Amino acid sequence: MILKRTAYYIILMMAIIGIFLFPYGILNTMVSLKYETDKASDCISIISGDNLCERIRNMKVYFIISVILTAILIIFKRRMLMQKIPSPK
């Protein structure tokens, strides 16, 4: 799989931003879970009606995907950015 240099760096930066953004989102949703529900065992927000436990679970998955994607992009950088050399005729 060969990527253009700009596409590679855009994907890498988005994955790195996700590594920092998703834990913040998890923390923010946990605060909402504490203050927007009646009981500690409830997951549905009284204010927005969203399932906060599902949001936290999804953000954990997105965080793991960001970490794995970042590792893959860094480890296989040379292979992904390799340019095909035209064969002489």
PDB file of N, CA and C in Angstrom:
ATOM      1  N   MET A   1       0.844  -1.176   0.000  1.00  0.00           N
ATOM      2  CA  MET A   1       0.000   0.000   0.000  1.00  0.00           C
ATOM      3  C   MET A   1       0.888   1.238   0.000  1.00  0.00           C
ATOM      4  N   ILE A   2       0.745   2.041  -1.000  1.00  0.00           N
ATOM      5  CA  ILE A   2       1.566   3.233  -1.122  1.00  0.00           C
ATOM      6  C   ILE A   2       0.661   4.452  -0.982  1.00  0.00           C
ATOM      7  N   LEU A   3       1.016   5.318  -0.056  1.00  0.00           N
ATOM      8  CA  LEU A   3       0.253   6.544   0.172  1.00  0.00           C
ATOM      9  C   LEU A   3       1.061   7.744  -0.293  1.00  0.00           C
ATOM     10  N   LYS A   4       0.366   8.776  -0.671  1.00  0.00           N
ATOM     11  CA  LYS A   4       1.058  10.025  -0.934  1.00  0.00           C
ATOM     12  C   LYS A   4       1.489  10.599   0.402  1.00  0.00           C
ATOM     13  N   ARG A   5       2.554  11.348   0.370  1.00  0.00           N
ATOM     14  CA  ARG A   5       3.138  11.893   1.599  1.00  0.00           C
ATOM     15  C   ARG A   5       2.137  12.754   2.371  1.00  0.00           C
ATOM     16  N   THR A   6       1.375  13.608   1.701  1.00  0.00           N
ATOM     17  CA  THR A   6       0.428  14.473   2.411  1.00  0.00           C
ATOM     18  C   THR A   6      -0.703  13.666   3.046  1.00  0.00           C
ATOM     19  N   ALA A   7      -1.213  12.644   2.342  1.00  0.00           N
ATOM     20  CA  ALA A   7      -2.276  11.809   2.913  1.00  0.00           C
ATOM     21  C   ALA A   7      -1.763  11.059   4.137  1.00  0.00           C
ATOM     22  N   TYR A   8      -0.539  10.570   4.056  1.00  0.00           N
ATOM     23  CA  TYR A   8       0.061   9.852   5.187  1.00  0.00           C
ATOM     24  C   TYR A   8       0.129  10.757   6.421  1.00  0.00           C
ATOM     25  N   TYR A   9       0.637  11.970   6.246  1.00  0.00           N
ATOM     26  CA  TYR A   9       0.793  12.863   7.392  1.00  0.00           C
ATOM     27  C   TYR A   9      -0.547  13.366   7.923  1.00  0.00           C
ATOM     28  N   ILE A  10      -1.529  13.535   7.060  1.00  0.00           N
ATOM     29  CA  ILE A  10      -2.862  13.929   7.531  1.00  0.00           C
ATOM     30  C   ILE A  10      -3.471  12.833   8.389  1.00  0.00           C
ATOM     31  N   ILE A  11      -3.373  11.584   7.930  1.00  0.00           N
ATOM     32  CA  ILE A  11      -3.910  10.454   8.707  1.00  0.00           C
ATOM     33  C   ILE A  11      -3.157  10.313  10.025  1.00  0.00           C
ATOM     34  N   LEU A  12      -1.840  10.458   9.985  1.00  0.00           N
ATOM     35  CA  LEU A  12      -1.026  10.352  11.202  1.00  0.00           C
ATOM     36  C   LEU A  12      -1.398  11.437  12.206  1.00  0.00           C
ATOM     37  N   MET A  13      -1.556  12.667  11.748  1.00  0.00           N
ATOM     38  CA  MET A  13      -1.898  13.757  12.670  1.00  0.00           C
ATOM     39  C   MET A  13      -3.291  13.572  13.256  1.00  0.00           C
ATOM     40  N   MET A  14      -4.235  13.091  12.451  1.00  0.00           N
ATOM     41  CA  MET A  14      -5.574  12.834  12.980  1.00  0.00           C
ATOM     42  C   MET A  14      -5.542  11.740  14.048  1.00  0.00           C
ATOM     43  N   ALA A  15      -4.732  10.702  13.834  1.00  0.00           N
ATOM     44  CA  ALA A  15      -4.624   9.632  14.824  1.00  0.00           C
ATOM     45  C   ALA A  15      -3.972  10.142  16.109  1.00  0.00           C
ATOM     46  N   ILE A  16      -2.951  10.970  15.978  1.00  0.00           N
ATOM     47  CA  ILE A  16      -2.279  11.519  17.164  1.00  0.00           C
ATOM     48  C   ILE A  16      -3.228  12.454  17.921  1.00  0.00           C
ATOM     49  N   ILE A  17      -3.967  13.276  17.215  1.00  0.00           N
ATOM     50  CA  ILE A  17      -4.945  14.146  17.872  1.00  0.00           C
ATOM     51  C   ILE A  17      -5.991  13.305  18.598  1.00  0.00           C
ATOM     52  N   GLY A  18      -6.411  12.187  17.991  1.00  0.00           N
ATOM     53  CA  GLY A  18      -7.373  11.291  18.627  1.00  0.00           C
ATOM     54  C   GLY A  18      -6.855  10.707  19.929  1.00  0.00           C
ATOM     55  N   ILE A  19      -5.543  10.452  19.983  1.00  0.00           N
ATOM     56  CA  ILE A  19      -4.955   9.914  21.216  1.00  0.00           C
ATOM     57  C   ILE A  19      -5.152  10.880  22.379  1.00  0.00           C
ATOM     58  N   PHE A  20      -5.093  12.167  22.107  1.00  0.00           N
ATOM     59  CA  PHE A  20      -5.277  13.159  23.171  1.00  0.00           C
ATOM     60  C   PHE A  20      -6.737  13.564  23.352  1.00  0.00           C
ATOM     61  N   LEU A  21      -7.502  13.538  22.285  1.00  0.00           N
ATOM     62  CA  LEU A  21      -8.879  14.019  22.328  1.00  0.00           C
ATOM     63  C   LEU A  21      -9.841  13.024  22.982  1.00  0.00           C
ATOM     64  N   PHE A  22      -9.717  11.736  22.679  1.00  0.00           N
ATOM     65  CA  PHE A  22     -10.674  10.757  23.199  1.00  0.00           C
ATOM     66  C   PHE A  22     -10.595  10.571  24.722  1.00  0.00           C
ATOM     67  N   PRO A  23      -9.412  10.557  25.350  1.00  0.00           N
ATOM     68  CA  PRO A  23      -9.419  10.510  26.825  1.00  0.00           C
ATOM     69  C   PRO A  23     -10.085  11.736  27.451  1.00  0.00           C
ATOM     70  N   TYR A  24      -9.913  12.899  26.835  1.00  0.00           N
ATOM     71  CA  TYR A  24     -10.600  14.098  27.323  1.00  0.00           C
ATOM     72  C   TYR A  24     -12.119  13.923  27.200  1.00  0.00           C
ATOM     73  N   GLY A  25     -12.562  13.355  26.087  1.00  0.00           N
ATOM     74  CA  GLY A  25     -13.985  13.104  25.893  1.00  0.00           C
ATOM     75  C   GLY A  25     -14.527  12.103  26.899  1.00  0.00           C
ATOM     76  N   ILE A  26     -13.734  11.091  27.216  1.00  0.00           N
ATOM     77  CA  ILE A  26     -14.142  10.103  28.220  1.00  0.00           C
ATOM     78  C   ILE A  26     -14.299  10.777  29.576  1.00  0.00           C
ATOM     79  N   LEU A  27     -13.309  11.582  29.951  1.00  0.00           N
ATOM     80  CA  LEU A  27     -13.362  12.298  31.230  1.00  0.00           C
ATOM     81  C   LEU A  27     -14.561  13.239  31.279  1.00  0.00           C
ATOM     82  N   ASN A  28     -14.797  13.951  30.199  1.00  0.00           N
ATOM     83  CA  ASN A  28     -15.913  14.882  30.128  1.00  0.00           C
ATOM     84  C   ASN A  28     -17.249  14.139  30.249  1.00  0.00           C
ATOM     85  N   THR A  29     -17.372  13.007  29.593  1.00  0.00           N
ATOM     86  CA  THR A  29     -18.605  12.229  29.661  1.00  0.00           C
ATOM     87  C   THR A  29     -18.791  11.608  31.042  1.00  0.00           C
ATOM     88  N   MET A  30     -17.695  11.259  31.706  1.00  0.00           N
ATOM     89  CA  MET A  30     -17.807  10.726  33.070  1.00  0.00           C
ATOM     90  C   MET A  30     -18.323  11.791  34.031  1.00  0.00           C
ATOM     91  N   VAL A  31     -17.927  13.040  33.821  1.00  0.00           N
ATOM     92  CA  VAL A  31     -18.457  14.136  34.639  1.00  0.00           C
ATOM     93  C   VAL A  31     -19.950  14.291  34.366  1.00  0.00           C
ATOM     94  N   SER A  32     -20.329  14.217  33.088  1.00  0.00           N
ATOM     95  CA  SER A  32     -21.748  14.283  32.745  1.00  0.00           C
ATOM     96  C   SER A  32     -22.510  13.128  33.379  1.00  0.00           C
ATOM     97  N   LEU A  33     -21.889  11.951  33.396  1.00  0.00           N
ATOM     98  CA  LEU A  33     -22.514  10.774  33.998  1.00  0.00           C
ATOM     99  C   LEU A  33     -22.789  11.004  35.482  1.00  0.00           C
ATOM    100  N   LYS A  34     -21.879  11.703  36.134  1.00  0.00           N
ATOM    101  CA  LYS A  34     -22.049  11.960  37.565  1.00  0.00           C
ATOM    102  C   LYS A  34     -23.159  12.983  37.838  1.00  0.00           C
ATOM    103  N   TYR A  35     -23.198  14.048  37.063  1.00  0.00           N
ATOM    104  CA  TYR A  35     -24.108  15.153  37.367  1.00  0.00           C
ATOM    105  C   TYR A  35     -25.417  15.135  36.589  1.00  0.00           C
ATOM    106  N   GLU A  36     -25.536  14.357  35.535  1.00  0.00           N
ATOM    107  CA  GLU A  36     -26.751  14.382  34.725  1.00  0.00           C
ATOM    108  C   GLU A  36     -27.613  13.136  34.892  1.00  0.00           C
ATOM    109  N   THR A  37     -27.307  12.295  35.873  1.00  0.00           N
ATOM    110  CA  THR A  37     -28.127  11.111  36.127  1.00  0.00           C
ATOM    111  C   THR A  37     -28.611  11.135  37.564  1.00  0.00           C
ATOM    112  N   ASP A  38     -29.710  10.423  37.805  1.00  0.00           N
ATOM    113  CA  ASP A  38     -30.265  10.384  39.161  1.00  0.00           C
ATOM    114  C   ASP A  38     -29.456   9.488  40.082  1.00  0.00           C
ATOM    115  N   LYS A  39     -29.128   8.293  39.603  1.00  0.00           N
ATOM    116  CA  LYS A  39     -28.405   7.315  40.414  1.00  0.00           C
ATOM    117  C   LYS A  39     -27.051   7.038  39.771  1.00  0.00           C
ATOM    118  N   ALA A  40     -26.162   6.462  40.553  1.00  0.00           N
ATOM    119  CA  ALA A  40     -24.839   6.124  40.031  1.00  0.00           C
ATOM    120  C   ALA A  40     -24.906   5.011  38.992  1.00  0.00           C
ATOM    121  N   SER A  41     -25.930   4.194  39.054  1.00  0.00           N
ATOM    122  CA  SER A  41     -26.044   3.067  38.133  1.00  0.00           C
ATOM    123  C   SER A  41     -26.763   3.433  36.837  1.00  0.00           C
ATOM    124  N   ASP A  42     -27.339   4.629  36.756  1.00  0.00           N
ATOM    125  CA  ASP A  42     -28.040   5.058  35.541  1.00  0.00           C
ATOM    126  C   ASP A  42     -27.031   5.456  34.472  1.00  0.00           C
ATOM    127  N   CYS A  43     -27.425   5.266  33.230  1.00  0.00           N
ATOM    128  CA  CYS A  43     -26.573   5.660  32.107  1.00  0.00           C
ATOM    129  C   CYS A  43     -27.231   6.691  31.202  1.00  0.00           C
ATOM    130  N   ILE A  44     -28.507   6.898  31.351  1.00  0.00           N
ATOM    131  CA  ILE A  44     -29.234   7.823  30.494  1.00  0.00           C
ATOM    132  C   ILE A  44     -29.231   9.217  31.125  1.00  0.00           C
ATOM    133  N   SER A  45     -28.787  10.198  30.353  1.00  0.00           N
ATOM    134  CA  SER A  45     -28.735  11.576  30.821  1.00  0.00           C
ATOM    135  C   SER A  45     -30.145  12.142  30.918  1.00  0.00           C
ATOM    136  N   ILE A  46     -30.417  12.847  32.016  1.00  0.00           N
ATOM    137  CA  ILE A  46     -31.709  13.490  32.200  1.00  0.00           C
ATOM    138  C   ILE A  46     -31.824  14.698  31.261  1.00  0.00           C
ATOM    139  N   ILE A  47     -30.725  15.379  31.020  1.00  0.00           N
ATOM    140  CA  ILE A  47     -30.742  16.610  30.231  1.00  0.00           C
ATOM    141  C   ILE A  47     -30.865  16.324  28.736  1.00  0.00           C
ATOM    142  N   SER A  48     -29.993  15.466  28.211  1.00  0.00           N
ATOM    143  CA  SER A  48     -29.984  15.243  26.761  1.00  0.00           C
ATOM    144  C   SER A  48     -30.678  13.947  26.339  1.00  0.00           C
ATOM    145  N   GLY A  49     -30.834  13.013  27.254  1.00  0.00           N
ATOM    146  CA  GLY A  49     -31.448  11.728  26.923  1.00  0.00           C
ATOM    147  C   GLY A  49     -30.498  10.749  26.260  1.00  0.00           C
ATOM    148  N   ASP A  50     -29.213  11.080  26.208  1.00  0.00           N
ATOM    149  CA  ASP A  50     -28.218  10.207  25.582  1.00  0.00           C
ATOM    150  C   ASP A  50     -27.770   9.121  26.549  1.00  0.00           C
ATOM    151  N   ASN A  51     -27.333   8.013  25.979  1.00  0.00           N
ATOM    152  CA  ASN A  51     -26.762   6.924  26.763  1.00  0.00           C
ATOM    153  C   ASN A  51     -25.278   7.227  26.970  1.00  0.00           C
ATOM    154  N   LEU A  52     -24.922   7.695  28.150  1.00  0.00           N
ATOM    155  CA  LEU A  52     -23.556   8.124  28.425  1.00  0.00           C
ATOM    156  C   LEU A  52     -22.590   6.948  28.534  1.00  0.00           C
ATOM    157  N   CYS A  53     -23.067   5.812  29.016  1.00  0.00           N
ATOM    158  CA  CYS A  53     -22.200   4.634  29.116  1.00  0.00           C
ATOM    159  C   CYS A  53     -21.777   4.156  27.727  1.00  0.00           C
ATOM    160  N   GLU A  54     -22.695   4.247  26.776  1.00  0.00           N
ATOM    161  CA  GLU A  54     -22.379   3.859  25.395  1.00  0.00           C
ATOM    162  C   GLU A  54     -21.362   4.829  24.794  1.00  0.00           C
ATOM    163  N   ARG A  55     -21.503   6.099  25.083  1.00  0.00           N
ATOM    164  CA  ARG A  55     -20.540   7.095  24.594  1.00  0.00           C
ATOM    165  C   ARG A  55     -19.145   6.812  25.131  1.00  0.00           C
ATOM    166  N   ILE A  56     -19.048   6.500  26.419  1.00  0.00           N
ATOM    167  CA  ILE A  56     -17.746   6.203  27.027  1.00  0.00           C
ATOM    168  C   ILE A  56     -17.138   4.974  26.385  1.00  0.00           C
ATOM    169  N   ARG A  57     -17.939   3.936  26.189  1.00  0.00           N
ATOM    170  CA  ARG A  57     -17.445   2.706  25.570  1.00  0.00           C
ATOM    171  C   ARG A  57     -16.953   2.976  24.142  1.00  0.00           C
ATOM    172  N   ASN A  58     -17.706   3.757  23.383  1.00  0.00           N
ATOM    173  CA  ASN A  58     -17.301   4.076  22.008  1.00  0.00           C
ATOM    174  C   ASN A  58     -15.999   4.868  21.976  1.00  0.00           C
ATOM    175  N   MET A  59     -15.858   5.833  22.877  1.00  0.00           N
ATOM    176  CA  MET A  59     -14.629   6.627  22.901  1.00  0.00           C
ATOM    177  C   MET A  59     -13.420   5.797  23.309  1.00  0.00           C
ATOM    178  N   LYS A  60     -13.617   4.793  24.159  1.00  0.00           N
ATOM    179  CA  LYS A  60     -12.521   3.887  24.496  1.00  0.00           C
ATOM    180  C   LYS A  60     -12.073   3.105  23.266  1.00  0.00           C
ATOM    181  N   VAL A  61     -13.036   2.645  22.472  1.00  0.00           N
ATOM    182  CA  VAL A  61     -12.711   1.926  21.240  1.00  0.00           C
ATOM    183  C   VAL A  61     -11.984   2.850  20.266  1.00  0.00           C
ATOM    184  N   TYR A  62     -12.465   4.082  20.103  1.00  0.00           N
ATOM    185  CA  TYR A  62     -11.820   5.042  19.207  1.00  0.00           C
ATOM    186  C   TYR A  62     -10.397   5.350  19.663  1.00  0.00           C
ATOM    187  N   PHE A  63     -10.194   5.440  20.973  1.00  0.00           N
ATOM    188  CA  PHE A  63      -8.855   5.681  21.509  1.00  0.00           C
ATOM    189  C   PHE A  63      -7.921   4.531  21.151  1.00  0.00           C
ATOM    190  N   ILE A  64      -8.379   3.308  21.340  1.00  0.00           N
ATOM    191  CA  ILE A  64      -7.554   2.138  21.022  1.00  0.00           C
ATOM    192  C   ILE A  64      -7.235   2.099  19.529  1.00  0.00           C
ATOM    193  N   ILE A  65      -8.223   2.406  18.694  1.00  0.00           N
ATOM    194  CA  ILE A  65      -7.994   2.441  17.249  1.00  0.00           C
ATOM    195  C   ILE A  65      -6.962   3.516  16.902  1.00  0.00           C
ATOM    196  N   SER A  66      -7.032   4.667  17.545  1.00  0.00           N
ATOM    197  CA  SER A  66      -6.063   5.736  17.293  1.00  0.00           C
ATOM    198  C   SER A  66      -4.654   5.317  17.675  1.00  0.00           C
ATOM    199  N   VAL A  67      -4.512   4.657  18.802  1.00  0.00           N
ATOM    200  CA  VAL A  67      -3.190   4.195  19.239  1.00  0.00           C
ATOM    201  C   VAL A  67      -2.633   3.161  18.265  1.00  0.00           C
ATOM    202  N   ILE A  68      -3.456   2.195  17.881  1.00  0.00           N
ATOM    203  CA  ILE A  68      -3.004   1.150  16.955  1.00  0.00           C
ATOM    204  C   ILE A  68      -2.664   1.749  15.595  1.00  0.00           C
ATOM    205  N   LEU A  69      -3.501   2.646  15.100  1.00  0.00           N
ATOM    206  CA  LEU A  69      -3.252   3.270  13.804  1.00  0.00           C
ATOM    207  C   LEU A  69      -1.967   4.090  13.824  1.00  0.00           C
ATOM    208  N   THR A  70      -1.744   4.824  14.907  1.00  0.00           N
ATOM    209  CA  THR A  70      -0.510   5.603  15.028  1.00  0.00           C
ATOM    210  C   THR A  70       0.703   4.684  15.027  1.00  0.00           C
ATOM    211  N   ALA A  71       0.637   3.596  15.781  1.00  0.00           N
ATOM    212  CA  ALA A  71       1.757   2.659  15.824  1.00  0.00           C
ATOM    213  C   ALA A  71       2.017   2.047  14.448  1.00  0.00           C
ATOM    214  N   ILE A  72       0.975   1.646  13.759  1.00  0.00           N
ATOM    215  CA  ILE A  72       1.136   1.054  12.425  1.00  0.00           C
ATOM    216  C   ILE A  72       1.735   2.064  11.454  1.00  0.00           C
ATOM    217  N   LEU A  73       1.247   3.293  11.498  1.00  0.00           N
ATOM    218  CA  LEU A  73       1.766   4.315  10.584  1.00  0.00           C
ATOM    219  C   LEU A  73       3.231   4.630  10.854  1.00  0.00           C
ATOM    220  N   ILE A  74       3.624   4.640  12.099  1.00  0.00           N
ATOM    221  CA  ILE A  74       5.023   4.933  12.426  1.00  0.00           C
ATOM    222  C   ILE A  74       5.922   3.748  12.085  1.00  0.00           C
ATOM    223  N   ILE A  75       5.478   2.539  12.404  1.00  0.00           N
ATOM    224  CA  ILE A  75       6.302   1.350  12.155  1.00  0.00           C
ATOM    225  C   ILE A  75       6.484   1.105  10.659  1.00  0.00           C
ATOM    226  N   PHE A  76       5.424   1.250   9.885  1.00  0.00           N
ATOM    227  CA  PHE A  76       5.491   0.928   8.459  1.00  0.00           C
ATOM    228  C   PHE A  76       5.595   2.168   7.576  1.00  0.00           C
ATOM    229  N   LYS A  77       6.173   3.230   8.103  1.00  0.00           N
ATOM    230  CA  LYS A  77       6.281   4.490   7.368  1.00  0.00           C
ATOM    231  C   LYS A  77       7.028   4.309   6.051  1.00  0.00           C
ATOM    232  N   ARG A  78       8.139   3.645   6.100  1.00  0.00           N
ATOM    233  CA  ARG A  78       8.972   3.496   4.906  1.00  0.00           C
ATOM    234  C   ARG A  78       8.235   2.736   3.808  1.00  0.00           C
ATOM    235  N   ARG A  79       7.524   1.688   4.176  1.00  0.00           N
ATOM    236  CA  ARG A  79       6.787   0.908   3.180  1.00  0.00           C
ATOM    237  C   ARG A  79       5.617   1.684   2.591  1.00  0.00           C
ATOM    238  N   MET A  80       4.949   2.469   3.416  1.00  0.00           N
ATOM    239  CA  MET A  80       3.772   3.187   2.941  1.00  0.00           C
ATOM    240  C   MET A  80       4.118   4.371   2.060  1.00  0.00           C
ATOM    241  N   LEU A  81       5.284   4.967   2.297  1.00  0.00           N
ATOM    242  CA  LEU A  81       5.674   6.140   1.527  1.00  0.00           C
ATOM    243  C   LEU A  81       6.613   5.812   0.370  1.00  0.00           C
ATOM    244  N   MET A  82       6.898   4.542   0.175  1.00  0.00           N
ATOM    245  CA  MET A  82       7.812   4.140  -0.871  1.00  0.00           C
ATOM    246  C   MET A  82       7.253   4.533  -2.244  1.00  0.00           C
ATOM    247  N   GLN A  83       8.093   5.145  -3.029  1.00  0.00           N
ATOM    248  CA  GLN A  83       7.694   5.546  -4.362  1.00  0.00           C
ATOM    249  C   GLN A  83       8.064   4.451  -5.362  1.00  0.00           C
ATOM    250  N   LYS A  84       7.162   4.177  -6.291  1.00  0.00           N
ATOM    251  CA  LYS A  84       7.468   3.196  -7.327  1.00  0.00           C
ATOM    252  C   LYS A  84       8.430   3.844  -8.329  1.00  0.00           C
ATOM    253  N   ILE A  85       9.478   3.122  -8.604  1.00  0.00           N
ATOM    254  CA  ILE A  85      10.444   3.601  -9.568  1.00  0.00           C
ATOM    255  C   ILE A  85      10.068   3.017 -10.923  1.00  0.00           C
ATOM    256  N   PRO A  86       9.862   3.870 -11.922  1.00  0.00           N
ATOM    257  CA  PRO A  86       9.492   3.325 -13.223  1.00  0.00           C
ATOM    258  C   PRO A  86      10.635   2.508 -13.807  1.00  0.00           C
ATOM    259  N   SER A  87      10.273   1.389 -14.383  1.00  0.00           N
ATOM    260  CA  SER A  87      11.306   0.522 -14.961  1.00  0.00           C
ATOM    261  C   SER A  87      11.749   1.081 -16.301  1.00  0.00           C
ATOM    262  N   PRO A  88      13.060   1.055 -16.548  1.00  0.00           N
ATOM    263  CA  PRO A  88      13.562   1.585 -17.819  1.00  0.00           C
ATOM    264  C   PRO A  88      13.153   0.665 -18.974  1.00  0.00           C
ATOM    265  N   LYS A  89      12.820   1.286 -20.096  1.00  0.00           N
ATOM    266  CA  LYS A  89      12.409   0.493 -21.264  1.00  0.00           C
ATOM    267  C   LYS A  89      13.371   0.671 -22.393  1.00  0.00           C
TER     268      LYS A  89
END
